[in-house]
Amino acid sequence: MRIEDEIKQKSFKDEYHKLAINLMYSNGWLLNYQSEILRPYSLTDHQYNVLRILRGQYPDAISIMDLKDRMLDKSSDASRLVERLRVKDLVEREICKSDRRKVDVKITQHGLDILEKTDYLDEEFKKVLNNLSIEEAKQMNDLLDKMRD
């Protein structure tokens, strides 16, 4: 559906303004979709992002600073997210052996089990985005990368 119809706006200042609004709206749309899928697991999209990063590091740990650098939302409070995941027994924290000022984080087996249950989310995103061909998805990825340069 056209962005004009979604937000009931007849016109935009120009195509760049329309693009900015369209990107923000589409981001919210995808995040809402993801939130609905993650709700049964009591995970937020930020917590899910942290767990996926940690699974990629497994069996190694990662510092909270490095974790924050890899997160999709750079404004998230990684320390607070890690603590909430620790309370749920999805991650464990330990003082870095080489630098006692750093805290390393590692996903637990319970965290890995939860992620395994949510792996179907990747297929769900494919279903949502299947209005685009593979070529169109690649072109959109290339254009988004170019926009951020």
N, C-alpha and C. Protein backbone atom coordinates (compact mmCIF):
# COMPACT_ATOMS: atom_id res chain seq x y z
N MET A 1 0.83 -1.18 0.00
CA MET A 1 0.00 0.00 0.00
C MET A 1 0.89 1.25 0.00
N ARG A 2 0.46 2.25 -0.71
CA ARG A 2 1.23 3.50 -0.80
C ARG A 2 1.27 4.20 0.54
N ILE A 3 2.41 4.86 0.83
CA ILE A 3 2.57 5.57 2.10
C ILE A 3 1.51 6.64 2.26
N GLU A 4 1.12 7.28 1.17
CA GLU A 4 0.07 8.31 1.24
C GLU A 4 -1.22 7.73 1.83
N ASP A 5 -1.56 6.52 1.39
CA ASP A 5 -2.79 5.88 1.88
C ASP A 5 -2.63 5.40 3.32
N GLU A 6 -1.45 4.89 3.65
CA GLU A 6 -1.20 4.37 5.00
C GLU A 6 -1.34 5.46 6.06
N ILE A 7 -0.78 6.63 5.78
CA ILE A 7 -0.81 7.69 6.80
C ILE A 7 -1.80 8.80 6.46
N LYS A 8 -2.57 8.58 5.40
CA LYS A 8 -3.62 9.52 4.99
C LYS A 8 -3.07 10.95 4.79
N GLN A 9 -2.01 11.02 3.99
CA GLN A 9 -1.40 12.30 3.64
C GLN A 9 -1.42 12.42 2.12
N LYS A 10 -1.93 13.53 1.63
CA LYS A 10 -2.11 13.69 0.19
C LYS A 10 -0.81 13.94 -0.56
N SER A 11 0.08 14.72 0.07
CA SER A 11 1.32 15.05 -0.64
C SER A 11 2.46 15.26 0.35
N PHE A 12 3.65 15.32 -0.20
CA PHE A 12 4.87 15.54 0.57
C PHE A 12 5.59 16.73 -0.04
N LYS A 13 6.52 17.30 0.71
CA LYS A 13 7.29 18.45 0.20
C LYS A 13 8.02 18.09 -1.08
N ASP A 14 8.63 16.90 -1.08
CA ASP A 14 9.35 16.41 -2.25
C ASP A 14 9.58 14.91 -2.06
N GLU A 15 10.23 14.30 -3.01
CA GLU A 15 10.46 12.85 -2.95
C GLU A 15 11.39 12.45 -1.82
N TYR A 16 12.33 13.32 -1.44
CA TYR A 16 13.23 13.01 -0.32
C TYR A 16 12.46 12.98 1.00
N HIS A 17 11.56 13.94 1.17
CA HIS A 17 10.72 13.97 2.37
C HIS A 17 9.84 12.72 2.42
N LYS A 18 9.26 12.38 1.29
CA LYS A 18 8.43 11.17 1.21
C LYS A 18 9.25 9.93 1.54
N LEU A 19 10.47 9.87 1.04
CA LEU A 19 11.34 8.73 1.31
C LEU A 19 11.65 8.61 2.80
N ALA A 20 11.98 9.73 3.44
CA ALA A 20 12.28 9.71 4.88
C ALA A 20 11.08 9.20 5.67
N ILE A 21 9.90 9.71 5.37
CA ILE A 21 8.68 9.28 6.07
C ILE A 21 8.42 7.80 5.78
N ASN A 22 8.59 7.40 4.53
CA ASN A 22 8.35 6.01 4.14
C ASN A 22 9.30 5.06 4.86
N LEU A 23 10.58 5.43 4.98
CA LEU A 23 11.54 4.60 5.69
C LEU A 23 11.18 4.46 7.17
N MET A 24 10.83 5.58 7.80
CA MET A 24 10.46 5.54 9.23
C MET A 24 9.20 4.72 9.44
N TYR A 25 8.23 4.90 8.59
CA TYR A 25 6.98 4.14 8.70
C TYR A 25 7.25 2.65 8.50
N SER A 26 8.04 2.32 7.49
CA SER A 26 8.33 0.91 7.19
C SER A 26 9.13 0.26 8.30
N ASN A 27 10.05 1.01 8.92
CA ASN A 27 10.81 0.50 10.05
C ASN A 27 9.85 0.15 11.21
N GLY A 28 8.96 1.06 11.52
CA GLY A 28 7.99 0.81 12.58
C GLY A 28 7.09 -0.37 12.26
N TRP A 29 6.71 -0.48 11.02
CA TRP A 29 5.85 -1.59 10.56
C TRP A 29 6.55 -2.94 10.77
N LEU A 30 7.82 -3.02 10.38
CA LEU A 30 8.57 -4.27 10.57
C LEU A 30 8.81 -4.56 12.05
N LEU A 31 9.12 -3.53 12.84
CA LEU A 31 9.35 -3.73 14.27
C LEU A 31 8.08 -4.20 14.98
N ASN A 32 6.94 -3.63 14.60
CA ASN A 32 5.67 -4.08 15.18
C ASN A 32 5.39 -5.54 14.84
N TYR A 33 5.68 -5.92 13.61
CA TYR A 33 5.50 -7.31 13.18
C TYR A 33 6.40 -8.24 14.00
N GLN A 34 7.65 -7.84 14.15
CA GLN A 34 8.61 -8.64 14.92
C GLN A 34 8.17 -8.72 16.39
N SER A 35 7.71 -7.63 16.95
CA SER A 35 7.28 -7.61 18.36
C SER A 35 6.15 -8.60 18.61
N GLU A 36 5.23 -8.69 17.67
CA GLU A 36 4.11 -9.64 17.82
C GLU A 36 4.62 -11.08 17.86
N ILE A 37 5.60 -11.37 17.04
CA ILE A 37 6.15 -12.73 17.01
C ILE A 37 6.96 -13.03 18.27
N LEU A 38 7.66 -12.03 18.79
CA LEU A 38 8.52 -12.24 19.97
C LEU A 38 7.75 -12.21 21.28
N ARG A 39 6.53 -11.68 21.27
CA ARG A 39 5.75 -11.54 22.50
C ARG A 39 5.63 -12.84 23.30
N PRO A 40 5.35 -13.99 22.70
CA PRO A 40 5.23 -15.23 23.49
C PRO A 40 6.52 -15.63 24.22
N TYR A 41 7.65 -15.09 23.77
CA TYR A 41 8.94 -15.41 24.38
C TYR A 41 9.39 -14.33 25.36
N SER A 42 8.54 -13.34 25.58
CA SER A 42 8.83 -12.22 26.49
C SER A 42 10.15 -11.53 26.13
N LEU A 43 10.35 -11.33 24.83
CA LEU A 43 11.56 -10.65 24.35
C LEU A 43 11.17 -9.39 23.60
N THR A 44 11.97 -8.34 23.79
CA THR A 44 11.82 -7.14 22.97
C THR A 44 12.71 -7.29 21.74
N ASP A 45 12.52 -6.42 20.77
CA ASP A 45 13.36 -6.48 19.57
C ASP A 45 14.82 -6.22 19.92
N HIS A 46 15.09 -5.35 20.90
CA HIS A 46 16.47 -5.07 21.31
C HIS A 46 17.10 -6.29 22.00
N GLN A 47 16.33 -6.96 22.86
CA GLN A 47 16.83 -8.16 23.53
C GLN A 47 17.10 -9.26 22.51
N TYR A 48 16.22 -9.38 21.55
CA TYR A 48 16.39 -10.38 20.48
C TYR A 48 17.67 -10.09 19.70
N ASN A 49 17.92 -8.83 19.39
CA ASN A 49 19.13 -8.43 18.68
C ASN A 49 20.37 -8.82 19.47
N VAL A 50 20.36 -8.55 20.79
CA VAL A 50 21.50 -8.90 21.65
C VAL A 50 21.71 -10.41 21.63
N LEU A 51 20.65 -11.18 21.78
CA LEU A 51 20.79 -12.65 21.80
C LEU A 51 21.34 -13.17 20.48
N ARG A 52 20.90 -12.60 19.37
CA ARG A 52 21.41 -13.06 18.07
C ARG A 52 22.90 -12.74 17.92
N ILE A 53 23.32 -11.59 18.39
CA ILE A 53 24.74 -11.25 18.35
C ILE A 53 25.54 -12.23 19.20
N LEU A 54 25.03 -12.51 20.39
CA LEU A 54 25.73 -13.42 21.30
C LEU A 54 25.78 -14.84 20.75
N ARG A 55 24.72 -15.25 20.07
CA ARG A 55 24.74 -16.58 19.45
C ARG A 55 25.82 -16.64 18.37
N GLY A 56 26.00 -15.55 17.65
CA GLY A 56 27.04 -15.50 16.62
C GLY A 56 28.44 -15.58 17.21
N GLN A 57 28.61 -15.16 18.45
CA GLN A 57 29.90 -15.20 19.14
C GLN A 57 30.14 -16.55 19.82
N TYR A 58 29.06 -17.26 20.08
CA TYR A 58 29.12 -18.49 20.88
C TYR A 58 30.13 -19.48 20.31
N PRO A 59 30.96 -20.11 21.12
CA PRO A 59 30.97 -20.18 22.58
C PRO A 59 31.76 -19.06 23.26
N ASP A 60 32.26 -18.11 22.47
CA ASP A 60 33.04 -17.03 23.06
C ASP A 60 32.13 -15.96 23.66
N ALA A 61 32.69 -15.20 24.57
CA ALA A 61 32.00 -14.06 25.16
C ALA A 61 32.36 -12.81 24.36
N ILE A 62 31.63 -11.72 24.62
CA ILE A 62 31.88 -10.44 23.97
C ILE A 62 31.72 -9.36 25.03
N SER A 63 32.50 -8.30 24.92
CA SER A 63 32.37 -7.20 25.89
C SER A 63 31.08 -6.42 25.60
N ILE A 64 30.58 -5.76 26.60
CA ILE A 64 29.37 -4.96 26.42
C ILE A 64 29.64 -3.85 25.41
N MET A 65 30.84 -3.29 25.42
CA MET A 65 31.19 -2.24 24.46
C MET A 65 31.14 -2.76 23.02
N ASP A 66 31.70 -3.94 22.79
CA ASP A 66 31.67 -4.53 21.45
C ASP A 66 30.24 -4.92 21.06
N LEU A 67 29.48 -5.38 22.02
CA LEU A 67 28.09 -5.74 21.79
C LEU A 67 27.31 -4.50 21.32
N LYS A 68 27.50 -3.40 22.00
CA LYS A 68 26.81 -2.15 21.65
C LYS A 68 27.18 -1.71 20.24
N ASP A 69 28.45 -1.87 19.86
CA ASP A 69 28.89 -1.49 18.52
C ASP A 69 28.19 -2.30 17.43
N ARG A 70 27.78 -3.51 17.75
CA ARG A 70 27.17 -4.39 16.75
C ARG A 70 25.65 -4.33 16.74
N MET A 71 25.06 -3.66 17.72
CA MET A 71 23.60 -3.61 17.82
C MET A 71 22.99 -2.75 16.71
N LEU A 72 21.77 -3.08 16.32
CA LEU A 72 21.08 -2.33 15.28
C LEU A 72 20.72 -0.93 15.77
N ASP A 73 20.30 -0.81 17.03
CA ASP A 73 19.93 0.48 17.60
C ASP A 73 21.08 0.93 18.51
N LYS A 74 21.89 1.84 18.01
CA LYS A 74 23.08 2.29 18.74
C LYS A 74 22.73 3.09 20.00
N SER A 75 21.48 3.55 20.11
CA SER A 75 21.11 4.34 21.28
C SER A 75 20.61 3.47 22.44
N SER A 76 20.52 2.18 22.23
CA SER A 76 20.06 1.28 23.29
C SER A 76 21.07 1.21 24.42
N ASP A 77 20.58 1.02 25.62
CA ASP A 77 21.43 0.85 26.79
C ASP A 77 21.78 -0.64 26.90
N ALA A 78 22.92 -1.00 26.36
CA ALA A 78 23.32 -2.40 26.29
C ALA A 78 23.47 -3.02 27.68
N SER A 79 24.00 -2.27 28.63
CA SER A 79 24.17 -2.81 29.99
C SER A 79 22.84 -3.19 30.61
N ARG A 80 21.86 -2.33 30.44
CA ARG A 80 20.53 -2.60 30.99
C ARG A 80 19.87 -3.80 30.29
N LEU A 81 20.02 -3.87 28.97
CA LEU A 81 19.47 -5.00 28.21
C LEU A 81 20.11 -6.31 28.68
N VAL A 82 21.42 -6.30 28.84
CA VAL A 82 22.14 -7.49 29.29
C VAL A 82 21.65 -7.92 30.68
N GLU A 83 21.44 -6.95 31.56
CA GLU A 83 20.97 -7.28 32.90
C GLU A 83 19.58 -7.91 32.87
N ARG A 84 18.71 -7.39 32.04
CA ARG A 84 17.36 -7.98 31.92
C ARG A 84 17.44 -9.41 31.36
N LEU A 85 18.33 -9.63 30.42
CA LEU A 85 18.51 -10.97 29.87
C LEU A 85 19.16 -11.90 30.90
N ARG A 86 20.04 -11.36 31.73
CA ARG A 86 20.67 -12.17 32.78
C ARG A 86 19.62 -12.63 33.79
N VAL A 87 18.72 -11.75 34.17
CA VAL A 87 17.66 -12.10 35.12
C VAL A 87 16.78 -13.22 34.55
N LYS A 88 16.61 -13.24 33.23
CA LYS A 88 15.83 -14.29 32.57
C LYS A 88 16.65 -15.56 32.31
N ASP A 89 17.91 -15.57 32.78
CA ASP A 89 18.82 -16.69 32.58
C ASP A 89 19.12 -16.97 31.10
N LEU A 90 19.14 -15.90 30.30
CA LEU A 90 19.43 -16.05 28.88
C LEU A 90 20.88 -15.71 28.55
N VAL A 91 21.52 -14.94 29.44
CA VAL A 91 22.93 -14.60 29.29
C VAL A 91 23.61 -14.66 30.65
N GLU A 92 24.93 -14.74 30.61
CA GLU A 92 25.71 -14.63 31.85
C GLU A 92 26.77 -13.56 31.66
N ARG A 93 27.05 -12.87 32.73
CA ARG A 93 28.06 -11.80 32.72
C ARG A 93 29.24 -12.25 33.56
N GLU A 94 30.42 -11.86 33.13
CA GLU A 94 31.61 -12.14 33.93
C GLU A 94 32.63 -11.03 33.72
N ILE A 95 33.39 -10.77 34.74
CA ILE A 95 34.45 -9.77 34.66
C ILE A 95 35.52 -10.31 33.71
N CYS A 96 35.96 -9.47 32.80
CA CYS A 96 37.00 -9.84 31.84
C CYS A 96 38.28 -10.16 32.59
N LYS A 97 38.91 -11.27 32.25
CA LYS A 97 40.13 -11.70 32.93
C LYS A 97 41.31 -10.76 32.64
N SER A 98 41.35 -10.21 31.43
CA SER A 98 42.49 -9.36 31.05
C SER A 98 42.30 -7.88 31.44
N ASP A 99 41.05 -7.46 31.66
CA ASP A 99 40.79 -6.07 32.03
C ASP A 99 39.58 -6.05 32.97
N ARG A 100 39.84 -5.94 34.26
CA ARG A 100 38.77 -6.05 35.27
C ARG A 100 37.73 -4.93 35.16
N ARG A 101 37.99 -3.90 34.35
CA ARG A 101 37.00 -2.84 34.16
C ARG A 101 35.94 -3.25 33.15
N LYS A 102 36.25 -4.25 32.34
CA LYS A 102 35.33 -4.70 31.29
C LYS A 102 34.47 -5.85 31.78
N VAL A 103 33.26 -5.92 31.25
CA VAL A 103 32.36 -7.03 31.54
C VAL A 103 32.12 -7.78 30.23
N ASP A 104 32.33 -9.09 30.28
CA ASP A 104 32.06 -9.93 29.12
C ASP A 104 30.70 -10.59 29.29
N VAL A 105 30.03 -10.82 28.17
CA VAL A 105 28.70 -11.41 28.17
C VAL A 105 28.72 -12.63 27.26
N LYS A 106 28.01 -13.66 27.69
CA LYS A 106 27.94 -14.91 26.93
C LYS A 106 26.51 -15.43 27.01
N ILE A 107 26.02 -15.97 25.92
CA ILE A 107 24.67 -16.53 25.89
C ILE A 107 24.67 -17.87 26.64
N THR A 108 23.58 -18.14 27.36
CA THR A 108 23.45 -19.41 28.08
C THR A 108 22.78 -20.44 27.17
N GLN A 109 22.75 -21.67 27.63
CA GLN A 109 22.05 -22.71 26.88
C GLN A 109 20.57 -22.38 26.76
N HIS A 110 20.01 -21.83 27.83
CA HIS A 110 18.59 -21.43 27.79
C HIS A 110 18.38 -20.35 26.72
N GLY A 111 19.31 -19.41 26.61
CA GLY A 111 19.23 -18.39 25.57
C GLY A 111 19.31 -19.00 24.18
N LEU A 112 20.20 -19.97 24.01
CA LEU A 112 20.30 -20.66 22.71
C LEU A 112 19.01 -21.40 22.39
N ASP A 113 18.41 -22.02 23.40
CA ASP A 113 17.15 -22.75 23.20
C ASP A 113 16.03 -21.82 22.77
N ILE A 114 15.95 -20.66 23.40
CA ILE A 114 14.92 -19.68 23.04
C ILE A 114 15.12 -19.21 21.60
N LEU A 115 16.36 -18.93 21.24
CA LEU A 115 16.63 -18.49 19.87
C LEU A 115 16.28 -19.56 18.86
N GLU A 116 16.54 -20.80 19.21
CA GLU A 116 16.19 -21.89 18.29
C GLU A 116 14.69 -21.89 18.02
N LYS A 117 13.91 -21.59 19.05
CA LYS A 117 12.46 -21.54 18.90
C LYS A 117 12.01 -20.36 18.05
N THR A 118 12.83 -19.32 17.96
CA THR A 118 12.47 -18.13 17.19
C THR A 118 13.11 -18.09 15.81
N ASP A 119 13.84 -19.12 15.45
CA ASP A 119 14.53 -19.12 14.16
C ASP A 119 13.56 -19.01 12.98
N TYR A 120 12.32 -19.41 13.18
CA TYR A 120 11.34 -19.31 12.10
C TYR A 120 11.06 -17.84 11.74
N LEU A 121 11.49 -16.92 12.59
CA LEU A 121 11.26 -15.50 12.32
C LEU A 121 11.89 -15.07 11.00
N ASP A 122 13.03 -15.65 10.66
CA ASP A 122 13.67 -15.32 9.38
C ASP A 122 12.75 -15.66 8.21
N GLU A 123 12.08 -16.80 8.29
CA GLU A 123 11.14 -17.19 7.25
C GLU A 123 9.91 -16.28 7.25
N GLU A 124 9.49 -15.85 8.43
CA GLU A 124 8.35 -14.93 8.53
C GLU A 124 8.67 -13.60 7.83
N PHE A 125 9.90 -13.12 7.99
CA PHE A 125 10.28 -11.88 7.31
C PHE A 125 10.26 -12.08 5.80
N LYS A 126 10.69 -13.26 5.35
CA LYS A 126 10.65 -13.52 3.91
C LYS A 126 9.21 -13.45 3.41
N LYS A 127 8.28 -14.00 4.18
CA LYS A 127 6.86 -13.96 3.77
C LYS A 127 6.36 -12.52 3.68
N VAL A 128 6.75 -11.70 4.65
CA VAL A 128 6.30 -10.31 4.67
C VAL A 128 6.89 -9.52 3.52
N LEU A 129 8.12 -9.86 3.13
CA LEU A 129 8.82 -9.10 2.09
C LEU A 129 8.70 -9.73 0.71
N ASN A 130 7.89 -10.79 0.60
CA ASN A 130 7.85 -11.53 -0.67
C ASN A 130 7.17 -10.77 -1.81
N ASN A 131 6.66 -9.56 -1.54
CA ASN A 131 6.17 -8.74 -2.63
C ASN A 131 7.32 -8.24 -3.49
N LEU A 132 8.54 -8.33 -2.95
CA LEU A 132 9.73 -7.93 -3.69
C LEU A 132 10.41 -9.16 -4.26
N SER A 133 10.90 -9.05 -5.47
CA SER A 133 11.71 -10.14 -6.03
C SER A 133 13.08 -10.10 -5.37
N ILE A 134 13.85 -11.16 -5.56
CA ILE A 134 15.23 -11.19 -5.05
C ILE A 134 16.02 -10.02 -5.63
N GLU A 135 15.84 -9.75 -6.91
CA GLU A 135 16.56 -8.65 -7.56
C GLU A 135 16.16 -7.31 -6.94
N GLU A 136 14.86 -7.13 -6.67
CA GLU A 136 14.40 -5.88 -6.06
C GLU A 136 14.93 -5.74 -4.63
N ALA A 137 14.96 -6.84 -3.89
CA ALA A 137 15.49 -6.81 -2.53
C ALA A 137 16.98 -6.42 -2.56
N LYS A 138 17.72 -6.99 -3.50
CA LYS A 138 19.14 -6.65 -3.63
C LYS A 138 19.30 -5.18 -4.00
N GLN A 139 18.48 -4.71 -4.93
CA GLN A 139 18.55 -3.30 -5.34
C GLN A 139 18.23 -2.39 -4.15
N MET A 140 17.22 -2.75 -3.36
CA MET A 140 16.86 -1.94 -2.20
C MET A 140 17.99 -1.94 -1.18
N ASN A 141 18.60 -3.10 -0.96
CA ASN A 141 19.76 -3.17 -0.05
C ASN A 141 20.89 -2.27 -0.54
N ASP A 142 21.16 -2.33 -1.83
CA ASP A 142 22.23 -1.50 -2.39
C ASP A 142 21.91 -0.01 -2.24
N LEU A 143 20.66 0.35 -2.48
CA LEU A 143 20.26 1.76 -2.35
C LEU A 143 20.32 2.24 -0.90
N LEU A 144 19.91 1.40 0.04
CA LEU A 144 19.99 1.77 1.45
C LEU A 144 21.43 1.91 1.89
N ASP A 145 22.30 1.00 1.44
CA ASP A 145 23.73 1.12 1.75
C ASP A 145 24.29 2.41 1.19
N LYS A 146 23.91 2.73 -0.06
CA LYS A 146 24.38 3.97 -0.71
C LYS A 146 23.88 5.19 0.05
N MET A 147 22.65 5.16 0.53
CA MET A 147 22.09 6.29 1.26
C MET A 147 22.90 6.59 2.52
N ARG A 148 23.39 5.55 3.19
CA ARG A 148 24.13 5.74 4.45
C ARG A 148 25.61 6.11 4.22
N ASP A 149 26.07 6.07 2.99
CA ASP A 149 27.49 6.43 2.72
C ASP A 149 27.75 7.89 2.97
